[in-house]
Structures are given as structure tokens and as C-alpha cells.
Amino acid sequence: MDSIQVKLKYYNALADKELSKYEQVNKLEKYTNVPKTYMAAGAVGVVFLLIFFNFWGQLLSNVIGWLYPDTILYWMPFYYLFKTVFFLWLFLPPFKGAQVIYSKFLRQVLLNYQNDVDKNLSKLHNKISEATKDIVKEAIDVGTAIKTE
């Protein structure tokens, strides 16, 4: 437990040092008397909850998707070119990129979990069958009750 607290204190100090570079954050900390790391964590938490519960989820996701890549990808030249070439390689028939990805990587993983997937699909099929039988029985009972009235 101590190691978690030590790591949290370390990352808190690291975030505090990074946030101290911004004058507005320092002013806000002085004005509210709330540590800037707590404010940042709270803001991230609020954004997460708003997206999770789908209040402003689309807007926030689009804003993050628009701002975040710019901060990461500005140093990687030709990112969009590489991305486009990769997708073309994946879905153009002469290259069969998707088949390569499947046969070299995905197939082995899926074969390892085939029994688990089949077992869970069988359980799901049984539950759906039971639920369907219950719904049909209930519908017949309701129909019979309506007919007798």
C-alpha cells in the first residue's frame, strides 16, 4: 500500500510542476485555495463522467478528438499519409492486407479462445431460447385473458 501512496505523491508532484507553468492555473489555485492537481483531476473526472453518461458526450468526444491528435501528431510527419496507405493496404483486394493481419495475428488468438467463445455462445443461445419461451407463454396468457373478458 505504501508503494501506491509513494507513486501517487510522485505523480502529484510531477503534475503540480507541469501545471505550475501556466499562469492562469496558478491564479485559479490562489483564488480558490484548491490545489491545481486536484482541479485538473476533477476536470478530467467530470469530462469522463459527462462522456460516460452521455451528457455532451458527442461534443466532448469530438473536441478531444480534434485537439488531442494535434498535440501528439504535430511531431510525426506524414501521419495521415501513412494512415491512408495502411487503410488502403488493408482493404484493397490486390494487397489482401486484412487477410494478412487475420492469418498472421488474429487467427491464432481466436483459435486459442475458440472453446470459450463457443461455450459462451451456447449459454447465450440457451438464455435467449428460455427468454423467448417465457415471452411467448406470457403473450399467450395475456391474449387468453383478453379473449375471456
Protein backbone atom coordinates (compact mmCIF):
# COMPACT_ATOMS: atom_id res chain seq x y z
CA MET A 1 0.00 0.00 0.00
CA ASP A 2 2.90 2.33 0.72
CA SER A 3 4.22 1.98 -2.81
CA ILE A 4 0.89 3.17 -4.25
CA GLN A 5 0.92 6.22 -1.98
CA VAL A 6 4.53 6.95 -2.90
CA LYS A 7 3.68 6.71 -6.61
CA LEU A 8 0.62 8.92 -6.18
CA LYS A 9 2.70 11.55 -4.37
CA TYR A 10 5.35 11.36 -7.07
CA TYR A 11 2.84 11.81 -9.91
CA ASN A 12 1.03 14.53 -7.95
CA ALA A 13 4.31 16.44 -7.61
CA LEU A 14 5.08 15.86 -11.29
CA ALA A 15 1.64 17.14 -12.34
CA ASP A 16 1.96 20.10 -9.97
CA LYS A 17 5.31 21.01 -11.52
CA GLU A 18 3.83 20.77 -15.03
CA LEU A 19 0.70 22.75 -14.14
CA SER A 20 2.79 25.46 -12.45
CA LYS A 21 3.98 26.54 -15.89
CA TYR A 22 0.56 28.02 -16.64
CA GLU A 23 -0.17 31.41 -15.13
CA GLN A 24 -3.96 31.06 -15.27
CA VAL A 25 -3.86 27.78 -13.35
CA ASN A 26 -1.70 29.39 -10.65
CA LYS A 27 -4.13 32.30 -10.37
CA LEU A 28 -7.07 29.92 -10.13
CA GLU A 29 -5.28 27.96 -7.39
CA LYS A 30 -4.68 31.15 -5.37
CA TYR A 31 -8.27 32.33 -5.89
CA THR A 32 -9.96 29.03 -4.94
CA ASN A 33 -7.38 27.73 -2.46
CA VAL A 34 -7.71 24.29 -4.10
CA PRO A 35 -4.53 22.53 -5.30
CA LYS A 36 -4.18 22.70 -9.07
CA THR A 37 -3.64 18.95 -9.34
CA TYR A 38 -7.00 18.34 -7.65
CA MET A 39 -8.67 20.78 -10.03
CA ALA A 40 -7.11 19.04 -13.04
CA ALA A 41 -8.08 15.59 -11.78
CA GLY A 42 -11.59 16.85 -11.07
CA ALA A 43 -11.90 18.34 -14.55
CA VAL A 44 -10.76 15.08 -16.15
CA GLY A 45 -13.20 13.17 -13.93
CA VAL A 46 -16.10 15.46 -14.86
CA VAL A 47 -15.32 15.14 -18.57
CA PHE A 48 -15.13 11.35 -18.20
CA LEU A 49 -18.48 11.22 -16.38
CA LEU A 50 -20.14 13.52 -18.91
CA ILE A 51 -18.98 11.29 -21.75
CA PHE A 52 -19.78 8.08 -19.85
CA PHE A 53 -23.35 9.15 -19.02
CA ASN A 54 -23.71 10.70 -22.48
CA PHE A 55 -24.29 14.28 -21.37
CA TRP A 56 -22.46 16.27 -24.03
CA GLY A 57 -20.70 13.02 -24.96
CA GLN A 58 -20.64 13.65 -28.68
CA LEU A 59 -19.46 17.24 -28.32
CA LEU A 60 -16.72 16.41 -25.81
CA SER A 61 -15.55 13.38 -27.79
CA ASN A 62 -15.33 15.46 -30.95
CA VAL A 63 -13.45 18.28 -29.18
CA ILE A 64 -10.99 15.82 -27.63
CA GLY A 65 -10.63 14.00 -30.95
CA TRP A 66 -9.88 17.30 -32.65
CA LEU A 67 -7.49 18.80 -30.07
CA TYR A 68 -5.65 15.74 -28.78
CA PRO A 69 -4.23 14.42 -32.09
CA ASP A 70 -2.89 17.87 -32.90
CA THR A 71 -0.85 17.88 -29.69
CA ILE A 72 0.51 14.38 -30.33
CA LEU A 73 0.87 14.19 -34.08
CA TYR A 74 2.47 17.52 -34.91
CA TRP A 75 5.89 15.96 -34.47
CA MET A 76 5.15 12.92 -36.67
CA PRO A 77 5.33 14.00 -40.30
CA PHE A 78 3.19 12.22 -42.85
CA TYR A 79 0.94 10.60 -40.20
CA TYR A 80 -2.17 10.96 -42.33
CA LEU A 81 -0.33 9.69 -45.40
CA PHE A 82 0.83 6.58 -43.51
CA LYS A 83 -2.66 6.07 -42.10
CA THR A 84 -4.26 6.33 -45.55
CA VAL A 85 -1.72 3.96 -47.11
CA PHE A 86 -2.27 1.47 -44.26
CA PHE A 87 -6.05 1.51 -44.71
CA LEU A 88 -5.73 1.16 -48.47
CA TRP A 89 -3.39 -1.80 -47.93
CA LEU A 90 -5.97 -3.32 -45.57
CA PHE A 91 -8.98 -3.20 -47.85
CA LEU A 92 -7.78 -3.17 -51.46
CA PRO A 93 -8.15 -6.67 -52.95
CA PRO A 94 -4.75 -6.88 -54.71
CA PHE A 95 -2.87 -6.42 -51.43
CA LYS A 96 -5.10 -8.56 -49.13
CA GLY A 97 -3.84 -6.71 -46.07
CA ALA A 98 -6.79 -7.69 -43.92
CA GLN A 99 -6.19 -11.35 -44.75
CA VAL A 100 -2.53 -10.97 -43.80
CA ILE A 101 -3.45 -9.39 -40.45
CA TYR A 102 -6.02 -12.11 -39.81
CA SER A 103 -3.83 -15.06 -40.80
CA LYS A 104 -0.66 -13.83 -39.08
CA PHE A 105 -2.12 -12.41 -35.85
CA LEU A 106 -5.84 -12.67 -35.20
CA ARG A 107 -6.38 -16.29 -36.23
CA GLN A 108 -4.01 -17.65 -33.58
CA VAL A 109 -5.60 -15.57 -30.83
CA LEU A 110 -9.11 -16.53 -31.88
CA LEU A 111 -8.21 -20.22 -32.07
CA ASN A 112 -6.85 -20.09 -28.53
CA TYR A 113 -10.20 -18.80 -27.27
CA GLN A 114 -12.46 -20.78 -29.60
CA ASN A 115 -13.74 -23.17 -26.91
CA ASP A 116 -14.55 -20.30 -24.54
CA VAL A 117 -16.33 -18.36 -27.27
CA ASP A 118 -18.33 -21.43 -28.34
CA LYS A 119 -19.26 -22.21 -24.73
CA ASN A 120 -20.42 -18.65 -24.07
CA LEU A 121 -22.37 -18.51 -27.33
CA SER A 122 -24.10 -21.75 -26.36
CA LYS A 123 -25.03 -20.29 -22.96
CA LEU A 124 -26.31 -17.14 -24.66
CA HIS A 125 -28.36 -19.22 -27.10
CA ASN A 126 -29.92 -21.16 -24.21
CA LYS A 127 -30.78 -17.98 -22.30
CA ILE A 128 -32.32 -16.38 -25.39
CA SER A 129 -34.36 -19.55 -26.02
CA GLU A 130 -35.63 -19.57 -22.43
CA ALA A 131 -36.48 -15.87 -22.56
CA THR A 132 -38.29 -16.32 -25.87
CA LYS A 133 -40.33 -19.22 -24.45
CA ASP A 134 -41.23 -17.13 -21.39
CA ILE A 135 -42.27 -14.17 -23.55
CA VAL A 136 -44.38 -16.34 -25.86
CA LYS A 137 -46.03 -18.03 -22.85
CA GLU A 138 -46.76 -14.64 -21.27
CA ALA A 139 -48.17 -13.31 -24.55
CA ILE A 140 -50.44 -16.35 -24.87
CA ASP A 141 -51.62 -15.88 -21.27
CA VAL A 142 -52.35 -12.19 -21.86
CA GLY A 143 -54.13 -12.99 -25.11
CA THR A 144 -56.23 -15.66 -23.40
CA ALA A 145 -57.10 -13.26 -20.55
CA ILE A 146 -58.15 -10.57 -23.02
CA LYS A 147 -60.22 -13.06 -25.02
CA THR A 148 -62.11 -14.29 -21.95
CA GLU A 149 -63.01 -10.76 -20.85
